[in-house]
Amino acid sequence: MKLIIAIVQDKDSNRLSSGLVKANFRATKLASTGGFLRAGNTTFMIGVDDNQVDSLMNVIRSSCKVREQLVTPVTPMSGTTDSYLPLPVEVQVGGATVFVMPVDRFEHF
């Protein structure tokens, strides 16, 4: 058995939820916040048998897309801010960060 933790951007959350239900995967959804963009994410925790991991990864891949977004950097904490002009920078966002971990024991009450 494996525990899959998938961290996705909020924009992909509903699409992934629907895909998981359609493929008969049960998941726990948690609200989370990314450290880099300080934007909303959703963390999915999904327990599956070893032979279901590839199928689950396909659902995640098809539901979570990478896209470009303009981001204005945060003002530096030290030094003078008089000469600091934050210009928007284009970064890739979206997709999914997925951790696959072995489960030694599982109980459901």
N, C-alpha and C. Protein backbone atom coordinates (compact mmCIF):
# COMPACT_ATOMS: atom_id res chain seq x y z
N MET A 1 0.85 -1.18 0.00
CA MET A 1 0.00 0.00 0.00
C MET A 1 0.88 1.23 0.00
N LYS A 2 0.39 2.30 -0.65
CA LYS A 2 1.11 3.57 -0.74
C LYS A 2 0.21 4.71 -0.29
N LEU A 3 0.84 5.74 0.28
CA LEU A 3 0.17 7.00 0.57
C LEU A 3 0.69 8.01 -0.44
N ILE A 4 -0.20 8.57 -1.22
CA ILE A 4 0.16 9.58 -2.22
C ILE A 4 -0.26 10.94 -1.65
N ILE A 5 0.69 11.86 -1.60
CA ILE A 5 0.39 13.24 -1.22
C ILE A 5 0.63 14.08 -2.45
N ALA A 6 -0.43 14.70 -2.96
CA ALA A 6 -0.35 15.53 -4.16
C ALA A 6 -0.71 16.96 -3.80
N ILE A 7 0.21 17.88 -4.06
CA ILE A 7 -0.01 19.30 -3.79
C ILE A 7 -0.25 19.98 -5.12
N VAL A 8 -1.45 20.56 -5.28
CA VAL A 8 -1.83 21.16 -6.56
C VAL A 8 -2.31 22.59 -6.34
N GLN A 9 -2.23 23.38 -7.39
CA GLN A 9 -2.73 24.75 -7.31
C GLN A 9 -4.26 24.71 -7.20
N ASP A 10 -4.83 25.67 -6.48
CA ASP A 10 -6.29 25.70 -6.29
C ASP A 10 -7.05 25.65 -7.61
N LYS A 11 -6.49 26.24 -8.67
CA LYS A 11 -7.17 26.25 -9.98
C LYS A 11 -7.36 24.84 -10.53
N ASP A 12 -6.51 23.90 -10.12
CA ASP A 12 -6.60 22.51 -10.60
C ASP A 12 -7.36 21.60 -9.64
N SER A 13 -7.71 22.11 -8.47
CA SER A 13 -8.28 21.28 -7.42
C SER A 13 -9.60 20.63 -7.81
N ASN A 14 -10.53 21.40 -8.34
CA ASN A 14 -11.84 20.83 -8.70
C ASN A 14 -11.74 19.81 -9.82
N ARG A 15 -10.88 20.09 -10.79
CA ARG A 15 -10.69 19.15 -11.90
C ARG A 15 -10.11 17.84 -11.38
N LEU A 16 -9.14 17.93 -10.47
CA LEU A 16 -8.56 16.71 -9.91
C LEU A 16 -9.58 15.97 -9.05
N SER A 17 -10.35 16.67 -8.25
CA SER A 17 -11.39 16.02 -7.43
C SER A 17 -12.35 15.23 -8.30
N SER A 18 -12.80 15.84 -9.38
CA SER A 18 -13.72 15.17 -10.30
C SER A 18 -13.07 13.95 -10.94
N GLY A 19 -11.81 14.09 -11.33
CA GLY A 19 -11.10 12.96 -11.94
C GLY A 19 -10.91 11.81 -10.97
N LEU A 20 -10.64 12.12 -9.71
CA LEU A 20 -10.48 11.07 -8.71
C LEU A 20 -11.79 10.32 -8.47
N VAL A 21 -12.89 11.08 -8.38
CA VAL A 21 -14.21 10.44 -8.17
C VAL A 21 -14.55 9.55 -9.36
N LYS A 22 -14.31 10.07 -10.57
CA LYS A 22 -14.61 9.31 -11.79
C LYS A 22 -13.82 8.01 -11.86
N ALA A 23 -12.57 8.03 -11.35
CA ALA A 23 -11.71 6.85 -11.38
C ALA A 23 -11.83 6.01 -10.10
N ASN A 24 -12.79 6.33 -9.24
CA ASN A 24 -13.05 5.60 -8.00
C ASN A 24 -11.90 5.63 -6.99
N PHE A 25 -11.22 6.77 -6.91
CA PHE A 25 -10.22 6.97 -5.87
C PHE A 25 -10.83 7.85 -4.78
N ARG A 26 -10.59 7.48 -3.54
CA ARG A 26 -11.05 8.29 -2.41
C ARG A 26 -9.88 9.11 -1.90
N ALA A 27 -10.14 10.36 -1.56
CA ALA A 27 -9.06 11.25 -1.15
C ALA A 27 -9.53 12.15 -0.01
N THR A 28 -8.57 12.63 0.75
CA THR A 28 -8.79 13.66 1.75
C THR A 28 -8.17 14.94 1.22
N LYS A 29 -8.94 16.03 1.22
CA LYS A 29 -8.48 17.32 0.71
C LYS A 29 -8.17 18.25 1.87
N LEU A 30 -7.01 18.91 1.79
CA LEU A 30 -6.60 19.87 2.81
C LEU A 30 -6.24 21.19 2.14
N ALA A 31 -6.67 22.29 2.71
CA ALA A 31 -6.25 23.61 2.21
C ALA A 31 -4.82 23.85 2.65
N SER A 32 -4.00 24.37 1.74
CA SER A 32 -2.61 24.65 2.07
C SER A 32 -2.17 25.91 1.32
N THR A 33 -1.01 26.43 1.69
CA THR A 33 -0.49 27.65 1.06
C THR A 33 0.94 27.40 0.64
N GLY A 34 1.26 27.79 -0.59
CA GLY A 34 2.62 27.63 -1.09
C GLY A 34 3.56 28.67 -0.50
N GLY A 35 4.80 28.30 -0.32
CA GLY A 35 5.78 29.21 0.27
C GLY A 35 6.33 30.22 -0.71
N PHE A 36 6.46 29.86 -1.99
CA PHE A 36 7.08 30.74 -2.97
C PHE A 36 6.13 31.85 -3.40
N LEU A 37 4.96 31.48 -3.89
CA LEU A 37 4.00 32.47 -4.37
C LEU A 37 3.03 32.93 -3.29
N ARG A 38 3.03 32.25 -2.17
CA ARG A 38 2.10 32.52 -1.08
C ARG A 38 0.65 32.48 -1.58
N ALA A 39 0.39 31.55 -2.46
CA ALA A 39 -0.94 31.40 -3.06
C ALA A 39 -1.58 30.12 -2.56
N GLY A 40 -2.89 30.02 -2.71
CA GLY A 40 -3.62 28.86 -2.23
C GLY A 40 -3.30 27.61 -3.03
N ASN A 41 -3.12 26.54 -2.30
CA ASN A 41 -2.95 25.21 -2.87
C ASN A 41 -3.96 24.28 -2.23
N THR A 42 -4.08 23.11 -2.80
CA THR A 42 -4.86 22.06 -2.18
C THR A 42 -3.97 20.84 -2.09
N THR A 43 -3.93 20.22 -0.93
CA THR A 43 -3.14 19.01 -0.73
C THR A 43 -4.10 17.84 -0.64
N PHE A 44 -3.88 16.85 -1.50
CA PHE A 44 -4.69 15.64 -1.51
C PHE A 44 -3.89 14.51 -0.88
N MET A 45 -4.51 13.78 0.04
CA MET A 45 -3.90 12.57 0.60
C MET A 45 -4.74 11.39 0.14
N ILE A 46 -4.07 10.44 -0.54
CA ILE A 46 -4.78 9.34 -1.18
C ILE A 46 -4.05 8.04 -0.85
N GLY A 47 -4.76 7.09 -0.29
CA GLY A 47 -4.20 5.77 -0.03
C GLY A 47 -4.61 4.81 -1.12
N VAL A 48 -3.64 4.10 -1.73
CA VAL A 48 -3.94 3.16 -2.81
C VAL A 48 -3.08 1.91 -2.66
N ASP A 49 -3.54 0.82 -3.29
CA ASP A 49 -2.72 -0.38 -3.38
C ASP A 49 -1.58 -0.11 -4.35
N ASP A 50 -0.50 -0.87 -4.20
CA ASP A 50 0.68 -0.67 -5.04
C ASP A 50 0.37 -0.70 -6.53
N ASN A 51 -0.53 -1.60 -6.93
CA ASN A 51 -0.83 -1.74 -8.36
C ASN A 51 -1.71 -0.61 -8.91
N GLN A 52 -2.19 0.31 -8.07
CA GLN A 52 -3.03 1.42 -8.50
C GLN A 52 -2.25 2.73 -8.65
N VAL A 53 -0.98 2.74 -8.28
CA VAL A 53 -0.20 3.98 -8.28
C VAL A 53 -0.12 4.59 -9.68
N ASP A 54 0.19 3.79 -10.69
CA ASP A 54 0.32 4.33 -12.05
C ASP A 54 -0.99 4.92 -12.55
N SER A 55 -2.09 4.25 -12.27
CA SER A 55 -3.40 4.75 -12.68
C SER A 55 -3.72 6.09 -12.01
N LEU A 56 -3.42 6.17 -10.72
CA LEU A 56 -3.64 7.42 -9.98
C LEU A 56 -2.76 8.54 -10.52
N MET A 57 -1.50 8.23 -10.81
CA MET A 57 -0.60 9.25 -11.36
C MET A 57 -1.10 9.78 -12.70
N ASN A 58 -1.71 8.92 -13.51
CA ASN A 58 -2.28 9.37 -14.78
C ASN A 58 -3.44 10.34 -14.56
N VAL A 59 -4.26 10.09 -13.55
CA VAL A 59 -5.37 11.00 -13.23
C VAL A 59 -4.81 12.35 -12.80
N ILE A 60 -3.78 12.33 -11.96
CA ILE A 60 -3.18 13.59 -11.49
C ILE A 60 -2.56 14.34 -12.66
N ARG A 61 -1.80 13.64 -13.52
CA ARG A 61 -1.16 14.28 -14.68
C ARG A 61 -2.18 14.92 -15.61
N SER A 62 -3.28 14.25 -15.84
CA SER A 62 -4.27 14.78 -16.79
C SER A 62 -5.10 15.92 -16.19
N SER A 63 -5.10 16.05 -14.88
CA SER A 63 -5.92 17.07 -14.22
C SER A 63 -5.17 18.35 -13.87
N CYS A 64 -3.87 18.27 -13.74
CA CYS A 64 -3.08 19.40 -13.23
C CYS A 64 -2.10 19.87 -14.30
N LYS A 65 -2.34 21.05 -14.81
CA LYS A 65 -1.56 21.59 -15.92
C LYS A 65 -0.62 22.71 -15.46
N VAL A 66 0.56 22.75 -16.07
CA VAL A 66 1.53 23.83 -15.82
C VAL A 66 1.15 25.01 -16.69
N ARG A 67 1.25 26.22 -16.15
CA ARG A 67 0.95 27.43 -16.91
C ARG A 67 1.89 28.55 -16.47
N GLU A 68 1.95 29.61 -17.26
CA GLU A 68 2.80 30.76 -16.95
C GLU A 68 1.97 31.80 -16.20
N GLN A 69 2.61 32.50 -15.25
CA GLN A 69 1.92 33.54 -14.49
C GLN A 69 2.92 34.65 -14.17
N LEU A 70 2.46 35.90 -14.27
CA LEU A 70 3.29 37.03 -13.90
C LEU A 70 3.19 37.24 -12.39
N VAL A 71 4.36 37.38 -11.74
CA VAL A 71 4.43 37.54 -10.30
C VAL A 71 5.33 38.72 -9.99
N THR A 72 4.90 39.58 -9.07
CA THR A 72 5.74 40.68 -8.61
C THR A 72 6.50 40.23 -7.38
N PRO A 73 7.84 40.27 -7.42
CA PRO A 73 8.62 39.82 -6.26
C PRO A 73 8.32 40.65 -5.01
N VAL A 74 8.49 40.02 -3.86
CA VAL A 74 8.28 40.68 -2.57
C VAL A 74 9.44 41.64 -2.31
N THR A 75 9.14 42.80 -1.68
CA THR A 75 10.16 43.78 -1.35
C THR A 75 11.19 43.17 -0.39
N PRO A 76 12.49 43.42 -0.61
CA PRO A 76 13.50 42.84 0.28
C PRO A 76 13.34 43.34 1.72
N MET A 77 13.65 42.49 2.67
CA MET A 77 13.48 42.83 4.09
C MET A 77 14.62 43.72 4.61
N SER A 78 15.78 43.62 4.02
CA SER A 78 16.91 44.40 4.51
C SER A 78 17.33 45.41 3.45
N GLY A 79 18.06 46.42 3.87
CA GLY A 79 18.55 47.42 2.93
C GLY A 79 17.50 48.47 2.65
N THR A 80 17.84 49.38 1.75
CA THR A 80 16.91 50.46 1.42
C THR A 80 15.96 50.01 0.33
N THR A 81 14.76 50.47 0.41
CA THR A 81 13.77 50.14 -0.61
C THR A 81 13.59 51.28 -1.60
N ASP A 82 14.37 52.37 -1.43
CA ASP A 82 14.24 53.52 -2.32
C ASP A 82 14.58 53.17 -3.76
N SER A 83 15.62 52.35 -3.95
CA SER A 83 16.06 52.03 -5.31
C SER A 83 15.48 50.71 -5.81
N TYR A 84 14.64 50.06 -5.02
CA TYR A 84 14.08 48.76 -5.40
C TYR A 84 12.79 48.96 -6.18
N LEU A 85 12.79 48.56 -7.45
CA LEU A 85 11.59 48.64 -8.28
C LEU A 85 11.18 47.22 -8.66
N PRO A 86 10.17 46.70 -8.00
CA PRO A 86 9.76 45.32 -8.31
C PRO A 86 9.11 45.24 -9.68
N LEU A 87 9.72 44.48 -10.58
CA LEU A 87 9.16 44.26 -11.89
C LEU A 87 8.55 42.87 -11.93
N PRO A 88 7.41 42.72 -12.57
CA PRO A 88 6.80 41.39 -12.66
C PRO A 88 7.72 40.40 -13.38
N VAL A 89 7.74 39.19 -12.89
CA VAL A 89 8.55 38.12 -13.46
C VAL A 89 7.61 37.00 -13.85
N GLU A 90 7.85 36.39 -15.01
CA GLU A 90 7.02 35.28 -15.44
C GLU A 90 7.57 33.97 -14.87
N VAL A 91 6.72 33.22 -14.17
CA VAL A 91 7.12 31.95 -13.57
C VAL A 91 6.12 30.87 -13.98
N GLN A 92 6.58 29.61 -13.91
CA GLN A 92 5.68 28.49 -14.17
C GLN A 92 4.95 28.13 -12.88
N VAL A 93 3.65 27.97 -12.96
CA VAL A 93 2.84 27.56 -11.81
C VAL A 93 1.95 26.40 -12.24
N GLY A 94 1.30 25.81 -11.29
CA GLY A 94 0.40 24.72 -11.60
C GLY A 94 1.14 23.39 -11.61
N GLY A 95 0.55 22.42 -12.27
CA GLY A 95 1.11 21.09 -12.22
C GLY A 95 0.83 20.49 -10.85
N ALA A 96 1.62 19.55 -10.47
CA ALA A 96 1.44 18.90 -9.17
C ALA A 96 2.79 18.49 -8.61
N THR A 97 2.92 18.58 -7.31
CA THR A 97 4.07 18.02 -6.60
C THR A 97 3.53 16.80 -5.89
N VAL A 98 4.09 15.64 -6.21
CA VAL A 98 3.53 14.38 -5.71
C VAL A 98 4.59 13.59 -4.94
N PHE A 99 4.21 13.14 -3.76
CA PHE A 99 5.07 12.28 -2.94
C PHE A 99 4.40 10.91 -2.85
N VAL A 100 5.16 9.85 -3.08
CA VAL A 100 4.66 8.48 -2.96
C VAL A 100 5.43 7.83 -1.83
N MET A 101 4.68 7.43 -0.78
CA MET A 101 5.33 6.87 0.41
C MET A 101 4.75 5.51 0.75
N PRO A 102 5.59 4.60 1.20
CA PRO A 102 5.08 3.28 1.61
C PRO A 102 4.28 3.39 2.91
N VAL A 103 3.28 2.53 3.03
CA VAL A 103 2.45 2.48 4.24
C VAL A 103 2.70 1.13 4.90
N ASP A 104 3.19 1.15 6.12
CA ASP A 104 3.45 -0.10 6.85
C ASP A 104 2.18 -0.69 7.42
N ARG A 105 1.26 0.18 7.80
CA ARG A 105 0.04 -0.32 8.44
C ARG A 105 -1.10 0.64 8.13
N PHE A 106 -2.28 0.08 7.88
CA PHE A 106 -3.48 0.87 7.60
C PHE A 106 -4.64 0.23 8.34
N GLU A 107 -5.40 1.04 9.04
CA GLU A 107 -6.60 0.58 9.72
C GLU A 107 -7.73 1.56 9.46
N HIS A 108 -8.91 1.07 9.27
CA HIS A 108 -10.08 1.91 9.06
C HIS A 108 -11.14 1.49 10.05
N PHE A 109 -11.57 2.41 10.90
CA PHE A 109 -12.57 2.10 11.94
C PHE A 109 -13.91 2.67 11.56
